[in-house]
Amino acid sequence: MHKDEVKGVAKQAEGALKDAAGGLTGNEKLQAEGKLDKAVGKAQQKIGEAKDAVRDALKK
């Protein structure tokens, strides 16, 4: 597992918390930040997965 995958999952979790908190409190800005963090985290996770795939392919 690449460090980008771990960071991406953590960013998604942080985003989910912000999204939920913003929804509960009616804070649209916080909710939007949460949605953005989730998207960024998902992208970062996918980058880490791609790096792993390349590394594994080069080992073969």
Protein backbone atom coordinates (compact mmCIF):
# COMPACT_ATOMS: atom_id res chain seq x y z
CA MET A 1 0.00 0.00 0.00
CA HIS A 2 1.40 3.34 -1.04
CA LYS A 3 1.44 6.31 1.34
CA ASP A 4 -0.82 8.24 -1.05
CA GLU A 5 -3.50 5.58 -0.59
CA VAL A 6 -3.36 5.97 3.19
CA LYS A 7 -3.42 9.75 3.00
CA GLY A 8 -6.29 9.60 0.52
CA VAL A 9 -8.40 7.39 2.77
CA ALA A 10 -7.69 9.70 5.72
CA LYS A 11 -8.66 12.75 3.66
CA GLN A 12 -11.92 11.04 2.65
CA ALA A 13 -12.73 10.32 6.29
CA GLU A 14 -11.98 13.91 7.25
CA GLY A 15 -14.21 15.08 4.41
CA ALA A 16 -17.04 12.80 5.49
CA LEU A 17 -16.89 14.24 9.00
CA LYS A 18 -16.95 17.82 7.70
CA ASP A 19 -19.78 16.99 5.31
CA ALA A 20 -21.85 15.42 8.09
CA ALA A 21 -21.11 18.22 10.56
CA GLY A 22 -22.00 20.84 7.97
CA GLY A 23 -25.24 19.05 7.19
CA LEU A 24 -26.21 18.77 10.84
CA THR A 25 -25.45 22.38 11.66
CA GLY A 26 -26.71 23.86 8.41
CA ASN A 27 -23.23 25.17 7.60
CA GLU A 28 -23.17 24.96 3.80
CA LYS A 29 -19.54 26.11 3.58
CA LEU A 30 -18.34 23.32 5.89
CA GLN A 31 -20.45 20.80 4.02
CA ALA A 32 -18.97 21.93 0.69
CA GLU A 33 -15.45 21.70 2.13
CA GLY A 34 -16.24 18.18 3.23
CA LYS A 35 -17.43 17.15 -0.21
CA LEU A 36 -14.30 18.65 -1.75
CA ASP A 37 -12.05 16.86 0.76
CA LYS A 38 -13.76 13.56 -0.05
CA ALA A 39 -13.17 14.08 -3.78
CA VAL A 40 -9.54 15.06 -3.26
CA GLY A 41 -9.03 12.07 -0.99
CA LYS A 42 -10.54 9.71 -3.56
CA ALA A 43 -8.22 11.07 -6.25
CA GLN A 44 -5.19 10.77 -3.97
CA GLN A 45 -6.14 7.19 -3.13
CA LYS A 46 -6.42 6.32 -6.84
CA ILE A 47 -3.01 7.89 -7.50
CA GLY A 48 -1.52 5.70 -4.79
CA GLU A 49 -3.17 2.62 -6.28
CA ALA A 50 -1.73 3.49 -9.70
CA LYS A 51 1.74 3.95 -8.22
CA ASP A 52 1.44 0.53 -6.58
CA ALA A 53 0.37 -1.05 -9.85
CA VAL A 54 3.32 0.48 -11.70
CA ARG A 55 5.74 -0.61 -8.99
CA ASP A 56 4.34 -4.14 -9.04
CA ALA A 57 4.52 -4.27 -12.85
CA LEU A 58 8.17 -3.19 -12.81
CA LYS A 59 9.05 -5.94 -10.33
CA LYS A 60 7.84 -8.65 -12.72
